[in-house]
Amino acid sequence: MTHCKVPIRANRAHTRDCWCMEVHAPAIAAQAAPGQFVHVRCGSGYTPLLRRPFSIHWCHGETLAILYQIVGPGTTQLAALSPGDTLDLLGPLGHGFTIPADRSTAVLVGGGMGIAPLQFLAEHLLHRHCVPRVVVIYGASTVKNLVCYESLQRLNLDLFVATEDGTLGRCGTVIDCFKAELPGLRRRGTRCYGCGPVKMLHQLVRVADSAGLECEVALEEMMACGVGACRGCTVLTHSGYQRVCTEGPVFPANEIAWTAAGVPTGGVPT
């Protein structure tokens, strides 16, 4: 883990609420693995007091990017920053995705902003591990929210998209699209990776499990410290309580103790 203040190279809006920030952070970029995150101080004062966790969206050389949605005062302050301003980062943090050497097909399923760590994973699989086939299944409510569609198109992968209003790709959810493409993906050596809303992840786990596919998911939780000290982001697994910020955010999907509603059982262990 590195603590550093780094210069912002770009801070652009994909939509009114979704932004991508690029920073020159060589020390963090050199260590980063797909699925890890950075803990960001959004302001220069005490508002907001706590850092905010953001998945590493991609790393190109000494530059890394985060994809974020404006939802409150912290992300509002991030959107107000300009190239040349500095950003206070801790990272890379957390446990990333597992990439077994014998895998021939990787299926990445991202819902909405859950695509953020999966683009980094896709590039890593293609360029660092030379996985023969990388499939990305990407869904959002409408075409304007498919903020990574063009950047994913530029990669040498199979891309399938779904929009709930039918404005691009299959009309339906990302899981509907996954089910439709599943016959062509169900083969030895296929591994699934997912990130998105928790109910979507639970559906992904059930479908992948029924098809006999291994699956890992990246969970999104509110974090205070980001380094495992406060234990405020714990989730119940079949091995006991685990901290999303350190043992996660990536977990084997079947290790999570999902509730009947498809939500991980969280809370501070007593």
Protein backbone atom coordinates (compact mmCIF):
# COMPACT_ATOMS: atom_id res chain seq x y z
CA MET A 1 0.00 0.00 0.00
CA THR A 2 1.20 3.48 -0.91
CA HIS A 3 -0.01 6.84 0.41
CA CYS A 4 0.57 9.62 -2.07
CA LYS A 5 -0.71 12.92 -3.41
CA VAL A 6 -0.86 12.70 -7.18
CA PRO A 7 -1.63 15.11 -10.02
CA ILE A 8 -4.91 14.81 -11.90
CA ARG A 9 -4.43 14.42 -15.64
CA ALA A 10 -8.08 14.39 -16.72
CA ASN A 11 -11.53 14.54 -15.13
CA ARG A 12 -14.29 14.08 -17.70
CA ALA A 13 -18.04 13.54 -17.59
CA HIS A 14 -19.41 10.54 -19.51
CA THR A 15 -22.94 11.58 -18.51
CA ARG A 16 -24.23 14.24 -16.13
CA ASP A 17 -23.64 11.94 -13.14
CA CYS A 18 -20.90 9.56 -14.30
CA TRP A 19 -17.30 10.77 -14.49
CA CYS A 20 -13.87 9.31 -15.19
CA MET A 21 -10.77 10.69 -13.47
CA GLU A 22 -7.21 9.92 -14.56
CA VAL A 23 -4.27 10.49 -12.22
CA HIS A 24 -0.51 10.09 -12.54
CA ALA A 25 0.20 7.58 -9.77
CA PRO A 26 3.24 5.48 -10.75
CA ALA A 27 3.76 3.89 -7.33
CA ILE A 28 0.18 2.61 -7.16
CA ALA A 29 -0.12 1.71 -10.85
CA ALA A 30 3.00 -0.45 -10.64
CA GLN A 31 1.42 -2.63 -7.93
CA ALA A 32 -2.26 -2.59 -8.93
CA ALA A 33 -4.16 -5.74 -9.86
CA PRO A 34 -7.70 -5.97 -11.29
CA GLY A 35 -10.33 -5.91 -8.57
CA GLN A 36 -8.29 -3.78 -6.17
CA PHE A 37 -9.31 -0.26 -5.20
CA VAL A 38 -7.95 3.08 -4.09
CA HIS A 39 -9.17 5.01 -1.05
CA VAL A 40 -9.62 8.66 -1.98
CA ARG A 41 -9.75 11.80 0.14
CA CYS A 42 -12.33 13.81 -1.75
CA GLY A 43 -11.75 17.20 -0.16
CA SER A 44 -8.92 19.17 1.40
CA GLY A 45 -10.71 19.73 4.73
CA TYR A 46 -12.83 17.59 7.03
CA THR A 47 -15.92 17.47 4.83
CA PRO A 48 -16.35 14.70 4.00
CA LEU A 49 -14.34 13.26 6.88
CA LEU A 50 -13.95 9.73 5.54
CA ARG A 51 -12.22 8.60 2.39
CA ARG A 52 -14.20 7.03 -0.44
CA PRO A 53 -13.29 3.68 -2.07
CA PHE A 54 -13.17 3.43 -5.87
CA SER A 55 -12.31 0.43 -8.00
CA ILE A 56 -9.31 0.88 -10.25
CA HIS A 57 -10.92 1.25 -13.68
CA TRP A 58 -7.74 0.81 -15.71
CA CYS A 59 -3.97 1.26 -15.51
CA HIS A 60 -1.97 2.43 -18.53
CA GLY A 61 1.70 2.83 -17.68
CA GLU A 62 1.96 5.22 -14.74
CA THR A 63 -1.61 6.47 -15.07
CA LEU A 64 -4.67 4.95 -13.44
CA ALA A 65 -8.33 5.84 -13.74
CA ILE A 66 -11.37 5.67 -11.50
CA LEU A 67 -14.96 5.68 -12.69
CA TYR A 68 -17.36 7.36 -10.29
CA GLN A 69 -20.97 8.46 -10.02
CA ILE A 70 -21.99 11.72 -8.35
CA VAL A 71 -24.18 10.64 -5.46
CA GLY A 72 -23.24 12.93 -2.56
CA PRO A 73 -20.88 15.64 -1.26
CA GLY A 74 -17.70 13.57 -1.70
CA THR A 75 -18.20 12.71 -5.35
CA THR A 76 -19.52 16.24 -6.00
CA GLN A 77 -16.17 17.57 -4.80
CA LEU A 78 -14.33 15.10 -7.03
CA ALA A 79 -16.24 16.33 -10.08
CA ALA A 80 -15.17 19.90 -9.30
CA LEU A 81 -11.45 19.05 -9.57
CA SER A 82 -9.46 19.94 -12.69
CA PRO A 83 -6.27 18.74 -14.40
CA GLY A 84 -3.32 19.99 -12.38
CA ASP A 85 -5.11 19.64 -9.04
CA THR A 86 -3.85 16.93 -6.70
CA LEU A 87 -5.63 13.93 -5.22
CA ASP A 88 -4.77 12.16 -1.96
CA LEU A 89 -4.77 8.36 -2.47
CA LEU A 90 -4.17 5.17 -0.53
CA GLY A 91 -3.67 2.07 -2.60
CA PRO A 92 -3.77 -0.35 -4.11
CA LEU A 93 -5.99 -1.97 -1.49
CA GLY A 94 -7.92 -5.20 -1.20
CA HIS A 95 -7.82 -8.65 -2.75
CA GLY A 96 -8.34 -8.73 -6.50
CA PHE A 97 -9.60 -11.26 -9.03
CA THR A 98 -8.00 -14.70 -9.31
CA ILE A 99 -6.60 -15.57 -12.72
CA PRO A 100 -5.83 -19.31 -12.95
CA ALA A 101 -3.25 -20.24 -15.52
CA ASP A 102 -5.33 -22.98 -17.13
CA ARG A 103 -8.38 -20.91 -18.08
CA SER A 104 -9.28 -20.66 -21.74
CA THR A 105 -12.42 -18.50 -21.53
CA ALA A 106 -13.25 -15.64 -19.17
CA VAL A 107 -16.77 -14.21 -18.93
CA LEU A 108 -17.06 -10.78 -17.32
CA VAL A 109 -20.57 -9.71 -16.31
CA GLY A 110 -21.03 -6.07 -15.33
CA GLY A 111 -24.19 -4.27 -14.32
CA GLY A 112 -24.23 -0.47 -14.44
CA MET A 113 -21.26 1.05 -12.60
CA GLY A 114 -20.13 -2.49 -11.85
CA ILE A 115 -18.28 -2.37 -15.16
CA ALA A 116 -15.62 -0.19 -13.47
CA PRO A 117 -13.17 -2.94 -12.32
CA LEU A 118 -14.06 -5.28 -15.17
CA GLN A 119 -12.47 -3.14 -17.89
CA PHE A 120 -9.15 -3.35 -16.02
CA LEU A 121 -9.64 -7.10 -15.71
CA ALA A 122 -10.46 -7.47 -19.42
CA GLU A 123 -7.32 -5.59 -20.47
CA HIS A 124 -5.23 -7.60 -18.00
CA LEU A 125 -6.56 -10.93 -19.29
CA LEU A 126 -5.94 -9.97 -22.91
CA HIS A 127 -2.58 -8.24 -22.65
CA ARG A 128 -0.88 -9.79 -19.63
CA HIS A 129 -2.25 -13.33 -19.55
CA CYS A 130 -3.18 -13.86 -23.22
CA VAL A 131 -6.45 -15.60 -22.40
CA PRO A 132 -7.74 -16.95 -25.73
CA ARG A 133 -11.30 -15.73 -25.33
CA VAL A 134 -12.59 -12.87 -23.17
CA VAL A 135 -16.33 -12.23 -23.17
CA VAL A 136 -17.86 -9.10 -21.62
CA ILE A 137 -21.60 -9.00 -20.94
CA TYR A 138 -22.53 -5.44 -20.02
CA GLY A 139 -25.93 -4.12 -19.00
CA ALA A 140 -27.52 -0.85 -17.95
CA SER A 141 -30.92 0.76 -17.77
CA THR A 142 -30.49 2.66 -21.05
CA VAL A 143 -27.87 3.22 -23.74
CA LYS A 144 -26.57 6.49 -22.27
CA ASN A 145 -25.58 4.60 -19.10
CA LEU A 146 -23.38 2.17 -21.03
CA VAL A 147 -20.52 4.54 -20.34
CA CYS A 148 -17.73 2.06 -21.22
CA TYR A 149 -19.30 0.69 -24.39
CA GLU A 150 -16.96 2.45 -26.83
CA SER A 151 -13.77 1.72 -24.85
CA LEU A 152 -14.73 -1.97 -24.59
CA GLN A 153 -15.43 -2.08 -28.34
CA ARG A 154 -11.81 -1.11 -28.95
CA LEU A 155 -10.57 -4.23 -27.17
CA ASN A 156 -10.15 -7.60 -28.86
CA LEU A 157 -13.00 -9.30 -27.03
CA ASP A 158 -16.56 -10.53 -27.52
CA LEU A 159 -18.95 -7.84 -26.28
CA PHE A 160 -22.66 -8.38 -25.62
CA VAL A 161 -24.85 -5.61 -24.23
CA ALA A 162 -28.30 -5.34 -22.73
CA THR A 163 -30.45 -2.33 -21.92
CA GLU A 164 -33.63 -2.55 -19.90
CA ASP A 165 -35.40 -0.13 -22.24
CA GLY A 166 -34.11 -1.80 -25.41
CA THR A 167 -32.16 1.22 -26.68
CA LEU A 168 -29.10 -0.92 -27.47
CA GLY A 169 -28.46 -4.64 -27.64
CA ARG A 170 -30.79 -7.14 -26.00
CA CYS A 171 -33.87 -5.72 -24.31
CA GLY A 172 -33.67 -6.86 -20.71
CA THR A 173 -31.23 -7.15 -17.87
CA VAL A 174 -27.60 -8.14 -17.99
CA ILE A 175 -28.57 -11.50 -16.49
CA ASP A 176 -31.10 -12.04 -19.29
CA CYS A 177 -28.23 -11.47 -21.71
CA PHE A 178 -25.96 -13.84 -19.77
CA LYS A 179 -28.60 -16.57 -19.87
CA ALA A 180 -29.08 -16.09 -23.62
CA GLU A 181 -25.36 -16.41 -24.34
CA LEU A 182 -24.77 -19.21 -21.83
CA PRO A 183 -25.01 -22.15 -24.31
CA GLY A 184 -21.98 -20.83 -26.16
CA LEU A 185 -20.04 -20.24 -22.92
CA ARG A 186 -20.68 -23.48 -21.07
CA ARG A 187 -17.43 -25.32 -21.65
CA ARG A 188 -14.48 -26.62 -19.68
CA GLY A 189 -12.12 -23.87 -18.57
CA THR A 190 -14.72 -21.09 -18.45
CA ARG A 191 -14.65 -18.82 -15.40
CA CYS A 192 -17.11 -16.02 -14.60
CA TYR A 193 -16.38 -12.69 -12.96
CA GLY A 194 -19.08 -10.26 -11.86
CA CYS A 195 -19.56 -6.81 -10.41
CA GLY A 196 -22.74 -4.78 -9.99
CA PRO A 197 -25.79 -4.47 -7.73
CA VAL A 198 -25.93 -7.24 -5.13
CA LYS A 199 -29.21 -8.72 -6.39
CA MET A 200 -27.73 -8.94 -9.87
CA LEU A 201 -24.69 -10.72 -8.44
CA HIS A 202 -26.88 -13.21 -6.61
CA GLN A 203 -28.69 -14.00 -9.86
CA LEU A 204 -25.35 -14.37 -11.63
CA VAL A 205 -24.13 -16.79 -8.97
CA ARG A 206 -27.24 -18.95 -9.27
CA VAL A 207 -27.07 -19.10 -13.07
CA ALA A 208 -23.32 -19.78 -13.13
CA ASP A 209 -23.65 -22.45 -10.46
CA SER A 210 -26.44 -24.22 -12.35
CA ALA A 211 -24.19 -24.26 -15.42
CA GLY A 212 -21.24 -25.62 -13.46
CA LEU A 213 -19.13 -22.49 -13.95
CA GLU A 214 -16.75 -21.12 -11.34
CA CYS A 215 -17.50 -17.53 -10.41
CA GLU A 216 -15.95 -14.65 -8.49
CA VAL A 217 -17.75 -11.44 -7.58
CA ALA A 218 -16.56 -8.02 -6.47
CA LEU A 219 -18.69 -6.57 -3.67
CA GLU A 220 -19.31 -2.87 -3.15
CA GLU A 221 -19.58 -1.77 0.47
CA MET A 222 -19.34 1.45 2.44
CA MET A 223 -15.87 1.61 4.00
CA ALA A 224 -14.50 3.79 6.77
CA CYS A 225 -10.81 2.91 7.08
CA GLY A 226 -10.28 0.74 3.99
CA VAL A 227 -7.47 -1.22 5.67
CA GLY A 228 -9.36 -3.67 7.89
CA ALA A 229 -9.04 -1.84 11.21
CA CYS A 230 -12.62 -0.68 11.82
CA ARG A 231 -14.36 -3.90 10.68
CA GLY A 232 -17.29 -1.86 9.43
CA CYS A 233 -17.52 -3.56 6.03
CA THR A 234 -17.70 -7.19 7.09
CA VAL A 235 -19.72 -9.77 5.21
CA LEU A 236 -20.66 -13.25 6.36
CA THR A 237 -19.08 -16.07 4.37
CA HIS A 238 -19.12 -19.82 4.90
CA SER A 239 -15.70 -19.36 6.52
CA GLY A 240 -16.99 -16.73 8.95
CA TYR A 241 -17.01 -12.95 8.81
CA GLN A 242 -14.64 -11.42 6.27
CA ARG A 243 -13.71 -7.79 5.68
CA VAL A 244 -14.61 -6.53 2.22
CA CYS A 245 -11.72 -4.06 2.26
CA THR A 246 -9.01 -6.63 2.95
CA GLU A 247 -10.18 -10.20 2.35
CA GLY A 248 -12.30 -8.77 -0.48
CA PRO A 249 -13.66 -6.94 -2.34
CA VAL A 250 -13.41 -10.01 -4.59
CA PHE A 251 -14.73 -13.29 -3.19
CA PRO A 252 -15.49 -16.73 -4.61
CA ALA A 253 -19.22 -16.38 -5.25
CA ASN A 254 -20.26 -19.53 -3.44
CA GLU A 255 -18.34 -18.52 -0.31
CA ILE A 256 -20.75 -15.67 0.39
CA ALA A 257 -23.68 -16.31 2.72
CA TRP A 258 -26.39 -14.85 0.51
CA THR A 259 -29.80 -14.16 2.06
CA ALA A 260 -33.02 -15.34 0.42
CA ALA A 261 -33.41 -11.82 -1.00
CA GLY A 262 -30.02 -12.10 -2.69
CA VAL A 263 -28.13 -9.78 -0.37
CA PRO A 264 -24.90 -10.73 1.45
CA THR A 265 -25.33 -10.99 5.20
CA GLY A 266 -23.23 -8.15 6.58
CA GLY A 267 -22.62 -6.37 9.84
CA VAL A 268 -19.95 -6.18 12.50
CA PRO A 269 -19.29 -9.59 14.09
CA THR A 270 -19.88 -9.81 17.83
